[in-house]
Amino acid sequence: HISRLLQTVQQEQERLRWAEYKALQAQINPHFLYNTLDSIN
């Protein structure tokens, strides 16, 4: 029973970890876009 519960928890942790990665990747786009547009201007 504990083994089945741990598998469920591990799957949830993988989903959360990937969601955190997506959030970090999304943070970088506005940062370099602002600097590039400033150069074009």
PDB file of all heavy atoms in Angstrom:
ATOM      1  N   HIS A   1       0.834  -1.212   0.000  1.00  0.00           N
ATOM      2  CA  HIS A   1       0.000   0.000   0.000  1.00  0.00           C
ATOM      3  C   HIS A   1       0.874   1.270   0.000  1.00  0.00           C
ATOM      4  O   HIS A   1       0.597   2.223  -0.737  1.00  0.00           O
ATOM      5  CB  HIS A   1      -0.906  -0.023   1.230  1.00  0.00           C
ATOM      6  CG  HIS A   1      -1.837   1.142   1.298  1.00  0.00           C
ATOM      7  ND1 HIS A   1      -2.793   1.417   0.340  1.00  0.00           N
ATOM      8  CD2 HIS A   1      -1.944   2.135   2.232  1.00  0.00           C
ATOM      9  CE1 HIS A   1      -3.447   2.513   0.662  1.00  0.00           C
ATOM     10  NE2 HIS A   1      -2.953   2.962   1.815  1.00  0.00           N
ATOM     11  N   ILE A   2       1.946   1.262   0.806  1.00  0.00           N
ATOM     12  CA  ILE A   2       2.855   2.421   0.841  1.00  0.00           C
ATOM     13  C   ILE A   2       3.516   2.629  -0.512  1.00  0.00           C
ATOM     14  O   ILE A   2       3.695   3.766  -0.976  1.00  0.00           O
ATOM     15  CB  ILE A   2       3.910   2.223   1.949  1.00  0.00           C
ATOM     16  CG1 ILE A   2       3.241   2.285   3.320  1.00  0.00           C
ATOM     17  CG2 ILE A   2       5.013   3.282   1.851  1.00  0.00           C
ATOM     18  CD1 ILE A   2       4.186   1.960   4.469  1.00  0.00           C
ATOM     19  N   SER A   3       3.863   1.519  -1.196  1.00  0.00           N
ATOM     20  CA  SER A   3       4.496   1.630  -2.511  1.00  0.00           C
ATOM     21  C   SER A   3       3.579   2.329  -3.508  1.00  0.00           C
ATOM     22  O   SER A   3       4.011   3.202  -4.272  1.00  0.00           O
ATOM     23  CB  SER A   3       4.877   0.236  -3.017  1.00  0.00           C
ATOM     24  OG  SER A   3       5.449   0.311  -4.301  1.00  0.00           O
ATOM     25  N   ARG A   4       2.295   1.969  -3.500  1.00  0.00           N
ATOM     26  CA  ARG A   4       1.352   2.622  -4.418  1.00  0.00           C
ATOM     27  C   ARG A   4       1.221   4.107  -4.091  1.00  0.00           C
ATOM     28  O   ARG A   4       1.156   4.951  -5.001  1.00  0.00           O
ATOM     29  CB  ARG A   4      -0.003   1.922  -4.335  1.00  0.00           C
ATOM     30  CG  ARG A   4      -0.002   0.510  -4.932  1.00  0.00           C
ATOM     31  CD  ARG A   4      -1.413  -0.009  -5.087  1.00  0.00           C
ATOM     32  NE  ARG A   4      -2.067  -0.190  -3.784  1.00  0.00           N
ATOM     33  CZ  ARG A   4      -2.009  -1.304  -3.067  1.00  0.00           C
ATOM     34  NH1 ARG A   4      -1.333  -2.359  -3.509  1.00  0.00           N
ATOM     35  NH2 ARG A   4      -2.656  -1.391  -1.912  1.00  0.00           N
ATOM     36  N   LEU A   5       1.169   4.438  -2.812  1.00  0.00           N
ATOM     37  CA  LEU A   5       1.057   5.853  -2.425  1.00  0.00           C
ATOM     38  C   LEU A   5       2.288   6.650  -2.859  1.00  0.00           C
ATOM     39  O   LEU A   5       2.175   7.789  -3.335  1.00  0.00           O
ATOM     40  CB  LEU A   5       0.876   5.963  -0.904  1.00  0.00           C
ATOM     41  CG  LEU A   5      -0.471   5.502  -0.340  1.00  0.00           C
ATOM     42  CD1 LEU A   5      -0.458   5.601   1.182  1.00  0.00           C
ATOM     43  CD2 LEU A   5      -1.614   6.358  -0.902  1.00  0.00           C
ATOM     44  N   LEU A   6       3.478   6.067  -2.706  1.00  0.00           N
ATOM     45  CA  LEU A   6       4.701   6.775  -3.092  1.00  0.00           C
ATOM     46  C   LEU A   6       4.768   7.026  -4.584  1.00  0.00           C
ATOM     47  O   LEU A   6       5.244   8.071  -5.039  1.00  0.00           O
ATOM     48  CB  LEU A   6       5.924   5.967  -2.647  1.00  0.00           C
ATOM     49  CG  LEU A   6       6.247   6.012  -1.154  1.00  0.00           C
ATOM     50  CD1 LEU A   6       7.424   5.113  -0.838  1.00  0.00           C
ATOM     51  CD2 LEU A   6       6.559   7.437  -0.713  1.00  0.00           C
ATOM     52  N   GLN A   7       4.300   6.065  -5.382  1.00  0.00           N
ATOM     53  CA  GLN A   7       4.278   6.267  -6.827  1.00  0.00           C
ATOM     54  C   GLN A   7       3.389   7.450  -7.197  1.00  0.00           C
ATOM     55  O   GLN A   7       3.727   8.267  -8.058  1.00  0.00           O
ATOM     56  CB  GLN A   7       3.795   4.995  -7.523  1.00  0.00           C
ATOM     57  CG  GLN A   7       4.800   3.852  -7.471  1.00  0.00           C
ATOM     58  CD  GLN A   7       4.251   2.591  -8.096  1.00  0.00           C
ATOM     59  OE1 GLN A   7       3.118   2.567  -8.597  1.00  0.00           O
ATOM     60  NE2 GLN A   7       5.050   1.521  -8.079  1.00  0.00           N
ATOM     61  N   THR A   8       2.242   7.533  -6.518  1.00  0.00           N
ATOM     62  CA  THR A   8       1.325   8.661  -6.773  1.00  0.00           C
ATOM     63  C   THR A   8       1.995   9.987  -6.400  1.00  0.00           C
ATOM     64  O   THR A   8       1.931  10.969  -7.151  1.00  0.00           O
ATOM     65  CB  THR A   8       0.036   8.479  -5.960  1.00  0.00           C
ATOM     66  OG1 THR A   8      -0.570   7.237  -6.319  1.00  0.00           O
ATOM     67  CG2 THR A   8      -0.940   9.617  -6.239  1.00  0.00           C
ATOM     68  N   VAL A   9       2.640  10.028  -5.244  1.00  0.00           N
ATOM     69  CA  VAL A   9       3.300  11.259  -4.803  1.00  0.00           C
ATOM     70  C   VAL A   9       4.433  11.636  -5.753  1.00  0.00           C
ATOM     71  O   VAL A   9       4.632  12.816  -6.076  1.00  0.00           O
ATOM     72  CB  VAL A   9       3.841  11.073  -3.366  1.00  0.00           C
ATOM     73  CG1 VAL A   9       4.727  12.237  -2.961  1.00  0.00           C
ATOM     74  CG2 VAL A   9       2.697  10.922  -2.377  1.00  0.00           C
ATOM     75  N   GLN A  10       5.192  10.645  -6.243  1.00  0.00           N
ATOM     76  CA  GLN A  10       6.298  10.927  -7.147  1.00  0.00           C
ATOM     77  C   GLN A  10       5.812  11.540  -8.455  1.00  0.00           C
ATOM     78  O   GLN A  10       6.428  12.466  -8.994  1.00  0.00           O
ATOM     79  CB  GLN A  10       7.064   9.635  -7.431  1.00  0.00           C
ATOM     80  CG  GLN A  10       8.329   9.840  -8.254  1.00  0.00           C
ATOM     81  CD  GLN A  10       9.106   8.563  -8.429  1.00  0.00           C
ATOM     82  OE1 GLN A  10       8.667   7.502  -8.004  1.00  0.00           O
ATOM     83  NE2 GLN A  10      10.264   8.654  -9.047  1.00  0.00           N
ATOM     84  N   GLN A  11       4.685  11.023  -8.970  1.00  0.00           N
ATOM     85  CA  GLN A  11       4.133  11.592 -10.199  1.00  0.00           C
ATOM     86  C   GLN A  11       3.721  13.050  -9.991  1.00  0.00           C
ATOM     87  O   GLN A  11       3.956  13.911 -10.850  1.00  0.00           O
ATOM     88  CB  GLN A  11       2.932  10.755 -10.662  1.00  0.00           C
ATOM     89  CG  GLN A  11       3.321   9.368 -11.150  1.00  0.00           C
ATOM     90  CD  GLN A  11       2.106   8.488 -11.417  1.00  0.00           C
ATOM     91  OE1 GLN A  11       0.972   8.911 -11.186  1.00  0.00           O
ATOM     92  NE2 GLN A  11       2.343   7.267 -11.899  1.00  0.00           N
ATOM     93  N   GLU A  12       3.126  13.344  -8.834  1.00  0.00           N
ATOM     94  CA  GLU A  12       2.731  14.724  -8.537  1.00  0.00           C
ATOM     95  C   GLU A  12       3.966  15.628  -8.424  1.00  0.00           C
ATOM     96  O   GLU A  12       3.949  16.779  -8.884  1.00  0.00           O
ATOM     97  CB  GLU A  12       1.920  14.768  -7.238  1.00  0.00           C
ATOM     98  CG  GLU A  12       0.549  14.120  -7.318  1.00  0.00           C
ATOM     99  CD  GLU A  12      -0.348  14.829  -8.329  1.00  0.00           C
ATOM    100  OE1 GLU A  12      -0.221  16.053  -8.476  1.00  0.00           O
ATOM    101  OE2 GLU A  12      -1.163  14.146  -8.983  1.00  0.00           O
ATOM    102  N   GLN A  13       5.036  15.125  -7.814  1.00  0.00           N
ATOM    103  CA  GLN A  13       6.260  15.926  -7.680  1.00  0.00           C
ATOM    104  C   GLN A  13       6.880  16.222  -9.037  1.00  0.00           C
ATOM    105  O   GLN A  13       7.396  17.315  -9.275  1.00  0.00           O
ATOM    106  CB  GLN A  13       7.266  15.199  -6.788  1.00  0.00           C
ATOM    107  CG  GLN A  13       6.897  15.198  -5.324  1.00  0.00           C
ATOM    108  CD  GLN A  13       7.898  14.447  -4.480  1.00  0.00           C
ATOM    109  OE1 GLN A  13       8.659  13.629  -5.000  1.00  0.00           O
ATOM    110  NE2 GLN A  13       7.888  14.706  -3.179  1.00  0.00           N
ATOM    111  N   GLU A  14       6.833  15.255  -9.978  1.00  0.00           N
ATOM    112  CA  GLU A  14       7.358  15.481 -11.319  1.00  0.00           C
ATOM    113  C   GLU A  14       6.581  16.589 -12.012  1.00  0.00           C
ATOM    114  O   GLU A  14       7.158  17.450 -12.685  1.00  0.00           O
ATOM    115  CB  GLU A  14       7.288  14.184 -12.128  1.00  0.00           C
ATOM    116  CG  GLU A  14       8.329  13.153 -11.751  1.00  0.00           C
ATOM    117  CD  GLU A  14       9.723  13.611 -12.130  1.00  0.00           C
ATOM    118  OE1 GLU A  14       9.862  14.357 -13.119  1.00  0.00           O
ATOM    119  OE2 GLU A  14      10.676  13.241 -11.412  1.00  0.00           O
ATOM    120  N   ARG A  15       5.270  16.550 -11.856  1.00  0.00           N
ATOM    121  CA  ARG A  15       4.459  17.596 -12.484  1.00  0.00           C
ATOM    122  C   ARG A  15       4.806  18.968 -11.906  1.00  0.00           C
ATOM    123  O   ARG A  15       4.905  19.959 -12.634  1.00  0.00           O
ATOM    124  CB  ARG A  15       2.970  17.292 -12.272  1.00  0.00           C
ATOM    125  CG  ARG A  15       2.487  16.035 -13.000  1.00  0.00           C
ATOM    126  CD  ARG A  15       0.966  15.941 -12.958  1.00  0.00           C
ATOM    127  NE  ARG A  15       0.511  14.678 -13.519  1.00  0.00           N
ATOM    128  CZ  ARG A  15       0.157  13.611 -12.814  1.00  0.00           C
ATOM    129  NH1 ARG A  15       0.238  13.661 -11.491  1.00  0.00           N
ATOM    130  NH2 ARG A  15      -0.242  12.503 -13.410  1.00  0.00           N
ATOM    131  N   LEU A  16       4.969  19.032 -10.571  1.00  0.00           N
ATOM    132  CA  LEU A  16       5.302  20.307  -9.935  1.00  0.00           C
ATOM    133  C   LEU A  16       6.686  20.792 -10.365  1.00  0.00           C
ATOM    134  O   LEU A  16       6.901  21.980 -10.598  1.00  0.00           O
ATOM    135  CB  LEU A  16       5.264  20.156  -8.408  1.00  0.00           C
ATOM    136  CG  LEU A  16       3.871  19.997  -7.790  1.00  0.00           C
ATOM    137  CD1 LEU A  16       3.988  19.707  -6.302  1.00  0.00           C
ATOM    138  CD2 LEU A  16       3.030  21.262  -8.012  1.00  0.00           C
ATOM    139  N   ARG A  17       7.646  19.881 -10.474  1.00  0.00           N
ATOM    140  CA  ARG A  17       9.007  20.263 -10.875  1.00  0.00           C
ATOM    141  C   ARG A  17       9.025  20.825 -12.286  1.00  0.00           C
ATOM    142  O   ARG A  17       9.691  21.817 -12.573  1.00  0.00           O
ATOM    143  CB  ARG A  17       9.920  19.028 -10.783  1.00  0.00           C
ATOM    144  CG  ARG A  17      11.394  19.329 -10.933  1.00  0.00           C
ATOM    145  CD  ARG A  17      12.225  18.143 -10.512  1.00  0.00           C
ATOM    146  NE  ARG A  17      12.115  17.048 -11.465  1.00  0.00           N
ATOM    147  CZ  ARG A  17      12.946  16.878 -12.501  1.00  0.00           C
ATOM    148  NH1 ARG A  17      13.929  17.733 -12.695  1.00  0.00           N
ATOM    149  NH2 ARG A  17      12.802  15.875 -13.329  1.00  0.00           N
ATOM    150  N   TRP A  18       8.277  20.198 -13.180  1.00  0.00           N
ATOM    151  CA  TRP A  18       8.249  20.686 -14.551  1.00  0.00           C
ATOM    152  C   TRP A  18       7.531  22.028 -14.653  1.00  0.00           C
ATOM    153  O   TRP A  18       7.899  22.891 -15.432  1.00  0.00           O
ATOM    154  CB  TRP A  18       7.592  19.646 -15.462  1.00  0.00           C
ATOM    155  CG  TRP A  18       7.869  19.923 -16.899  1.00  0.00           C
ATOM    156  CD1 TRP A  18       7.014  20.372 -17.832  1.00  0.00           C
ATOM    157  CD2 TRP A  18       9.138  19.812 -17.539  1.00  0.00           C
ATOM    158  NE1 TRP A  18       7.640  20.535 -19.020  1.00  0.00           N
ATOM    159  CE2 TRP A  18       8.965  20.199 -18.866  1.00  0.00           C
ATOM    160  CE3 TRP A  18      10.409  19.412 -17.108  1.00  0.00           C
ATOM    161  CZ2 TRP A  18       9.992  20.191 -19.788  1.00  0.00           C
ATOM    162  CZ3 TRP A  18      11.411  19.414 -18.029  1.00  0.00           C
ATOM    163  CH2 TRP A  18      11.209  19.800 -19.348  1.00  0.00           C
ATOM    164  N   ALA A  19       6.501  22.201 -13.821  1.00  0.00           N
ATOM    165  CA  ALA A  19       5.805  23.485 -13.799  1.00  0.00           C
ATOM    166  C   ALA A  19       6.743  24.592 -13.328  1.00  0.00           C
ATOM    167  O   ALA A  19       6.727  25.710 -13.856  1.00  0.00           O
ATOM    168  CB  ALA A  19       4.583  23.391 -12.884  1.00  0.00           C
ATOM    169  N   GLU A  20       7.596  24.290 -12.338  1.00  0.00           N
ATOM    170  CA  GLU A  20       8.566  25.285 -11.867  1.00  0.00           C
ATOM    171  C   GLU A  20       9.560  25.627 -12.962  1.00  0.00           C
ATOM    172  O   GLU A  20       9.933  26.788 -13.148  1.00  0.00           O
ATOM    173  CB  GLU A  20       9.299  24.739 -10.640  1.00  0.00           C
ATOM    174  CG  GLU A  20      10.296  25.719 -10.061  1.00  0.00           C
ATOM    175  CD  GLU A  20      11.059  25.134  -8.891  1.00  0.00           C
ATOM    176  OE1 GLU A  20      10.741  24.004  -8.486  1.00  0.00           O
ATOM    177  OE2 GLU A  20      11.973  25.819  -8.394  1.00  0.00           O
ATOM    178  N   TYR A  21      10.009  24.618 -13.711  1.00  0.00           N
ATOM    179  CA  TYR A  21      10.939  24.865 -14.813  1.00  0.00           C
ATOM    180  C   TYR A  21      10.307  25.785 -15.857  1.00  0.00           C
ATOM    181  O   TYR A  21      10.934  26.717 -16.355  1.00  0.00           O
ATOM    182  CB  TYR A  21      11.341  23.535 -15.444  1.00  0.00           C
ATOM    183  CG  TYR A  21      12.104  23.687 -16.742  1.00  0.00           C
ATOM    184  CD1 TYR A  21      13.436  24.071 -16.749  1.00  0.00           C
ATOM    185  CD2 TYR A  21      11.469  23.493 -17.968  1.00  0.00           C
ATOM    186  CE1 TYR A  21      14.126  24.234 -17.934  1.00  0.00           C
ATOM    187  CE2 TYR A  21      12.144  23.662 -19.151  1.00  0.00           C
ATOM    188  CZ  TYR A  21      13.475  24.025 -19.140  1.00  0.00           C
ATOM    189  OH  TYR A  21      14.147  24.189 -20.303  1.00  0.00           O
ATOM    190  N   LYS A  22       9.016  25.529 -16.193  1.00  0.00           N
ATOM    191  CA  LYS A  22       8.316  26.358 -17.172  1.00  0.00           C
ATOM    192  C   LYS A  22       8.234  27.805 -16.691  1.00  0.00           C
ATOM    193  O   LYS A  22       8.408  28.753 -17.457  1.00  0.00           O
ATOM    194  CB  LYS A  22       6.904  25.806 -17.407  1.00  0.00           C
ATOM    195  CG  LYS A  22       6.868  24.531 -18.245  1.00  0.00           C
ATOM    196  CD  LYS A  22       7.190  24.846 -19.686  1.00  0.00           C
ATOM    197  CE  LYS A  22       6.918  23.652 -20.578  1.00  0.00           C
ATOM    198  NZ  LYS A  22       7.181  23.981 -21.998  1.00  0.00           N
ATOM    199  N   ALA A  23       7.985  27.962 -15.390  1.00  0.00           N
ATOM    200  CA  ALA A  23       7.884  29.315 -14.847  1.00  0.00           C
ATOM    201  C   ALA A  23       9.214  30.040 -14.935  1.00  0.00           C
ATOM    202  O   ALA A  23       9.283  31.220 -15.276  1.00  0.00           O
ATOM    203  CB  ALA A  23       7.409  29.257 -13.391  1.00  0.00           C
ATOM    204  N   LEU A  24      10.320  29.363 -14.633  1.00  0.00           N
ATOM    205  CA  LEU A  24      11.636  29.984 -14.717  1.00  0.00           C
ATOM    206  C   LEU A  24      11.987  30.348 -16.152  1.00  0.00           C
ATOM    207  O   LEU A  24      12.581  31.393 -16.419  1.00  0.00           O
ATOM    208  CB  LEU A  24      12.693  29.039 -14.154  1.00  0.00           C
ATOM    209  CG  LEU A  24      12.698  28.865 -12.637  1.00  0.00           C
ATOM    210  CD1 LEU A  24      13.636  27.745 -12.230  1.00  0.00           C
ATOM    211  CD2 LEU A  24      13.076  30.156 -11.950  1.00  0.00           C
ATOM    212  N   GLN A  25      11.625  29.482 -17.102  1.00  0.00           N
ATOM    213  CA  GLN A  25      11.931  29.760 -18.499  1.00  0.00           C
ATOM    214  C   GLN A  25      11.133  30.956 -19.002  1.00  0.00           C
ATOM    215  O   GLN A  25      11.629  31.789 -19.752  1.00  0.00           O
ATOM    216  CB  GLN A  25      11.611  28.522 -19.346  1.00  0.00           C
ATOM    217  CG  GLN A  25      11.912  28.723 -20.827  1.00  0.00           C
ATOM    218  CD  GLN A  25      11.744  27.425 -21.593  1.00  0.00           C
ATOM    219  OE1 GLN A  25      12.594  26.559 -21.534  1.00  0.00           O
ATOM    220  NE2 GLN A  25      10.637  27.307 -22.283  1.00  0.00           N
ATOM    221  N   ALA A  26       9.893  31.057 -18.532  1.00  0.00           N
ATOM    222  CA  ALA A  26       9.055  32.173 -18.968  1.00  0.00           C
ATOM    223  C   ALA A  26       9.568  33.494 -18.429  1.00  0.00           C
ATOM    224  O   ALA A  26       9.383  34.544 -19.048  1.00  0.00           O
ATOM    225  CB  ALA A  26       7.611  31.947 -18.514  1.00  0.00           C
ATOM    226  N   GLN A  27      10.253  33.471 -17.290  1.00  0.00           N
ATOM    227  CA  GLN A  27      10.733  34.711 -16.686  1.00  0.00           C
ATOM    228  C   GLN A  27      11.786  35.400 -17.538  1.00  0.00           C
ATOM    229  O   GLN A  27      11.934  36.611 -17.487  1.00  0.00           O
ATOM    230  CB  GLN A  27      11.335  34.425 -15.304  1.00  0.00           C
ATOM    231  CG  GLN A  27      10.307  34.063 -14.250  1.00  0.00           C
ATOM    232  CD  GLN A  27      10.968  33.672 -12.953  1.00  0.00           C
ATOM    233  OE1 GLN A  27      12.186  33.736 -12.840  1.00  0.00           O
ATOM    234  NE2 GLN A  27      10.162  33.271 -11.992  1.00  0.00           N
ATOM    235  N   ILE A  28      12.489  34.655 -18.366  1.00  0.00           N
ATOM    236  CA  ILE A  28      13.630  35.256 -19.041  1.00  0.00           C
ATOM    237  C   ILE A  28      13.235  36.023 -20.297  1.00  0.00           C
ATOM    238  O   ILE A  28      13.923  36.935 -20.724  1.00  0.00           O
ATOM    239  CB  ILE A  28      14.656  34.161 -19.382  1.00  0.00           C
ATOM    240  CG1 ILE A  28      16.019  34.789 -19.604  1.00  0.00           C
ATOM    241  CG2 ILE A  28      14.237  33.353 -20.596  1.00  0.00           C
ATOM    242  CD1 ILE A  28      17.133  33.802 -19.626  1.00  0.00           C
ATOM    243  N   ASN A  29      12.093  35.675 -20.911  1.00  0.00           N
ATOM    244  CA  ASN A  29      11.723  36.308 -22.185  1.00  0.00           C
ATOM    245  C   ASN A  29      11.560  37.829 -22.066  1.00  0.00           C
ATOM    246  O   ASN A  29      12.148  38.577 -22.842  1.00  0.00           O
ATOM    247  CB  ASN A  29      10.450  35.661 -22.727  1.00  0.00           C
ATOM    248  CG  ASN A  29      10.707  34.238 -23.173  1.00  0.00           C
ATOM    249  OD1 ASN A  29      11.762  33.946 -23.707  1.00  0.00           O
ATOM    250  ND2 ASN A  29       9.749  33.352 -22.931  1.00  0.00           N
ATOM    251  N   PRO A  30      10.763  38.362 -21.154  1.00  0.00           N
ATOM    252  CA  PRO A  30      10.641  39.827 -21.053  1.00  0.00           C
ATOM    253  C   PRO A  30      11.976  40.498 -20.774  1.00  0.00           C
ATOM    254  O   PRO A  30      12.193  41.631 -21.204  1.00  0.00           O
ATOM    255  CB  PRO A  30       9.661  40.020 -19.888  1.00  0.00           C
ATOM    256  CG  PRO A  30       8.941  38.727 -19.779  1.00  0.00           C
ATOM    257  CD  PRO A  30       9.909  37.677 -20.188  1.00  0.00           C
ATOM    258  N   HIS A  31      12.857  39.812 -20.073  1.00  0.00           N
ATOM    259  CA  HIS A  31      14.126  40.435 -19.685  1.00  0.00           C
ATOM    260  C   HIS A  31      14.978  40.785 -20.907  1.00  0.00           C
ATOM    261  O   HIS A  31      15.368  41.943 -21.098  1.00  0.00           O
ATOM    262  CB  HIS A  31      14.875  39.467 -18.759  1.00  0.00           C
ATOM    263  CG  HIS A  31      16.147  40.031 -18.211  1.00  0.00           C
ATOM    264  ND1 HIS A  31      16.178  41.093 -17.355  1.00  0.00           N
ATOM    265  CD2 HIS A  31      17.435  39.667 -18.444  1.00  0.00           C
ATOM    266  CE1 HIS A  31      17.434  41.366 -17.063  1.00  0.00           C
ATOM    267  NE2 HIS A  31      18.211  40.507 -17.705  1.00  0.00           N
ATOM    268  N   PHE A  32      15.268  39.800 -21.791  1.00  0.00           N
ATOM    269  CA  PHE A  32      16.145  40.124 -22.918  1.00  0.00           C
ATOM    270  C   PHE A  32      15.376  40.858 -24.020  1.00  0.00           C
ATOM    271  O   PHE A  32      15.937  41.590 -24.817  1.00  0.00           O
ATOM    272  CB  PHE A  32      16.852  38.872 -23.456  1.00  0.00           C
ATOM    273  CG  PHE A  32      15.976  37.856 -24.117  1.00  0.00           C
ATOM    274  CD1 PHE A  32      15.475  38.047 -25.396  1.00  0.00           C
ATOM    275  CD2 PHE A  32      15.674  36.679 -23.452  1.00  0.00           C
ATOM    276  CE1 PHE A  32      14.694  37.080 -25.984  1.00  0.00           C
ATOM    277  CE2 PHE A  32      14.892  35.718 -24.051  1.00  0.00           C
ATOM    278  CZ  PHE A  32      14.385  35.925 -25.324  1.00  0.00           C
ATOM    279  N   LEU A  33      14.026  40.676 -24.076  1.00  0.00           N
ATOM    280  CA  LEU A  33      13.241  41.390 -25.082  1.00  0.00           C
ATOM    281  C   LEU A  33      13.298  42.890 -24.830  1.00  0.00           C
ATOM    282  O   LEU A  33      13.450  43.698 -25.755  1.00  0.00           O
ATOM    283  CB  LEU A  33      11.790  40.893 -25.053  1.00  0.00           C
ATOM    284  CG  LEU A  33      10.831  41.589 -26.012  1.00  0.00           C
ATOM    285  CD1 LEU A  33      11.293  41.413 -27.457  1.00  0.00           C
ATOM    286  CD2 LEU A  33       9.418  41.045 -25.824  1.00  0.00           C
ATOM    287  N   TYR A  34      13.229  43.272 -23.576  1.00  0.00           N
ATOM    288  CA  TYR A  34      13.293  44.694 -23.232  1.00  0.00           C
ATOM    289  C   TYR A  34      14.614  45.305 -23.692  1.00  0.00           C
ATOM    290  O   TYR A  34      14.632  46.356 -24.320  1.00  0.00           O
ATOM    291  CB  TYR A  34      13.129  44.863 -21.719  1.00  0.00           C
ATOM    292  CG  TYR A  34      13.457  46.260 -21.253  1.00  0.00           C
ATOM    293  CD1 TYR A  34      12.549  47.314 -21.388  1.00  0.00           C
ATOM    294  CD2 TYR A  34      14.704  46.536 -20.685  1.00  0.00           C
ATOM    295  CE1 TYR A  34      12.884  48.584 -20.963  1.00  0.00           C
ATOM    296  CE2 TYR A  34      15.029  47.807 -20.271  1.00  0.00           C
ATOM    297  CZ  TYR A  34      14.101  48.837 -20.416  1.00  0.00           C
ATOM    298  OH  TYR A  34      14.431  50.083 -20.005  1.00  0.00           O
ATOM    299  N   ASN A  35      15.741  44.649 -23.411  1.00  0.00           N
ATOM    300  CA  ASN A  35      17.049  45.181 -23.788  1.00  0.00           C
ATOM    301  C   ASN A  35      17.220  45.272 -25.310  1.00  0.00           C
ATOM    302  O   ASN A  35      17.805  46.225 -25.835  1.00  0.00           O
ATOM    303  CB  ASN A  35      18.154  44.301 -23.205  1.00  0.00           C
ATOM    304  CG  ASN A  35      18.278  44.468 -21.703  1.00  0.00           C
ATOM    305  OD1 ASN A  35      18.468  45.566 -21.194  1.00  0.00           O
ATOM    306  ND2 ASN A  35      18.106  43.385 -20.983  1.00  0.00           N
ATOM    307  N   THR A  36      16.683  44.275 -26.053  1.00  0.00           N
ATOM    308  CA  THR A  36      16.821  44.282 -27.510  1.00  0.00           C
ATOM    309  C   THR A  36      16.000  45.410 -28.125  1.00  0.00           C
ATOM    310  O   THR A  36      16.461  46.159 -29.002  1.00  0.00           O
ATOM    311  CB  THR A  36      16.384  42.925 -28.082  1.00  0.00           C
ATOM    312  OG1 THR A  36      17.144  41.901 -27.454  1.00  0.00           O
ATOM    313  CG2 THR A  36      16.597  42.885 -29.585  1.00  0.00           C
ATOM    314  N   LEU A  37      14.758  45.554 -27.675  1.00  0.00           N
ATOM    315  CA  LEU A  37      13.905  46.613 -28.206  1.00  0.00           C
ATOM    316  C   LEU A  37      14.490  47.991 -27.887  1.00  0.00           C
ATOM    317  O   LEU A  37      14.360  48.932 -28.683  1.00  0.00           O
ATOM    318  CB  LEU A  37      12.494  46.488 -27.633  1.00  0.00           C
ATOM    319  CG  LEU A  37      11.708  45.249 -28.111  1.00  0.00           C
ATOM    320  CD1 LEU A  37      10.365  45.174 -27.399  1.00  0.00           C
ATOM    321  CD2 LEU A  37      11.518  45.283 -29.616  1.00  0.00           C
ATOM    322  N   ASP A  38      15.132  48.091 -26.749  1.00  0.00           N
ATOM    323  CA  ASP A  38      15.760  49.357 -26.390  1.00  0.00           C
ATOM    324  C   ASP A  38      16.886  49.694 -27.380  1.00  0.00           C
ATOM    325  O   ASP A  38      17.056  50.851 -27.774  1.00  0.00           O
ATOM    326  CB  ASP A  38      16.328  49.260 -24.975  1.00  0.00           C
ATOM    327  CG  ASP A  38      16.966  50.555 -24.530  1.00  0.00           C
ATOM    328  OD1 ASP A  38      16.255  51.564 -24.401  1.00  0.00           O
ATOM    329  OD2 ASP A  38      18.205  50.548 -24.338  1.00  0.00           O
ATOM    330  N   SER A  39      17.631  48.680 -27.825  1.00  0.00           N
ATOM    331  CA  SER A  39      18.698  48.903 -28.800  1.00  0.00           C
ATOM    332  C   SER A  39      18.127  49.346 -30.149  1.00  0.00           C
ATOM    333  O   SER A  39      18.655  50.252 -30.809  1.00  0.00           O
ATOM    334  CB  SER A  39      19.514  47.628 -28.971  1.00  0.00           C
ATOM    335  OG  SER A  39      20.127  47.271 -27.756  1.00  0.00           O
ATOM    336  N   ILE A  40      17.038  48.671 -30.599  1.00  0.00           N
ATOM    337  CA  ILE A  40      16.413  49.055 -31.873  1.00  0.00           C
ATOM    338  C   ILE A  40      15.898  50.483 -31.807  1.00  0.00           C
ATOM    339  O   ILE A  40      16.059  51.294 -32.736  1.00  0.00           O
ATOM    340  CB  ILE A  40      15.277  48.069 -32.219  1.00  0.00           C
ATOM    341  CG1 ILE A  40      15.869  46.676 -32.449  1.00  0.00           C
ATOM    342  CG2 ILE A  40      14.498  48.523 -33.444  1.00  0.00           C
ATOM    343  CD1 ILE A  40      14.819  45.599 -32.629  1.00  0.00           C
ATOM    344  N   ASN A  41      15.287  50.847 -30.721  1.00  0.00           N
ATOM    345  CA  ASN A  41      14.775  52.212 -30.536  1.00  0.00           C
ATOM    346  C   ASN A  41      15.896  53.225 -30.639  1.00  0.00           C
ATOM    347  O   ASN A  41      15.744  54.297 -31.242  1.00  0.00           O
ATOM    348  CB  ASN A  41      14.078  52.293 -29.175  1.00  0.00           C
ATOM    349  CG  ASN A  41      13.547  53.691 -28.898  1.00  0.00           C
ATOM    350  OD1 ASN A  41      12.665  54.180 -29.602  1.00  0.00           O
ATOM    351  ND2 ASN A  41      14.114  54.345 -27.891  1.00  0.00           N
TER     352      ASN A  41
END
